[in-house]
Amino acid sequence: MLPRICIVTSNEHKFSEIKEVALEYGLEVEMCPGLKLEIQSDDLADIVFKSALIAYMYLNKPIIVEDAGLFIDALNGFPGPYSSYVYRTIGINGILKLMNDASNRRACFRSAVALVINNRVFSATGEVCGEIATKPRGAGGFGFDPIFVPEGDSRTFAEMSIHEKNKYSHRAKAVRKVFELLFK
């Protein structure tokens, strides 16, 4: 039996999404807030890899670190790995204002995940593409979920339950890949 895995985040929404995927694999997880890691890079995989190693050394237990970004074609990939900062500063309305005259509304959410367990590192990425809605819709999710409509659905992530979102989610895809590597 594997030990409980610490999800290094203070974001309860992110934790809930990862926890649902962990349950698919029979894994127990816990939220480990308070460890604020701010690795700066243009590469999500680099951010989670370095953050995971630091967190593992600090906590000395199995950990998962996840980072994600919204990459908007019309904005040359902005905000990308800086999505959290952009959300806190200009928010959804700021992104919609930047997209006001854009005919190309294509965007992709990308996620990178690193799991460190028993001195081994497993990492993976996930992506879901879709488009930016013209106005926010839905009360669920977090971050840019109210304006992101994944391909194959007409609803935003914020209009979906966690279970529905995890069918498409960049984060769920990356976490599943990491767990598949763990059980290989």
Foldseek 3Di string as FASTA:
>chain_A
DADEEEEEDPDPLLVVLLQVLCVVVPHHYDYDYDDDDDDDDLDQQVRQVVVLVVVCVVVVAKYKYKAKDKQWVVVRGPPRRCQVVCCVPCNLVNVLVVCVPPPRFKMKMKMKMWIAHPNDIFIFMFMFIAGFANDFDAQADDRSQRGGDTPPGPHGNRNDDSVVCLVRDRSVVGSNRRVVVVVD
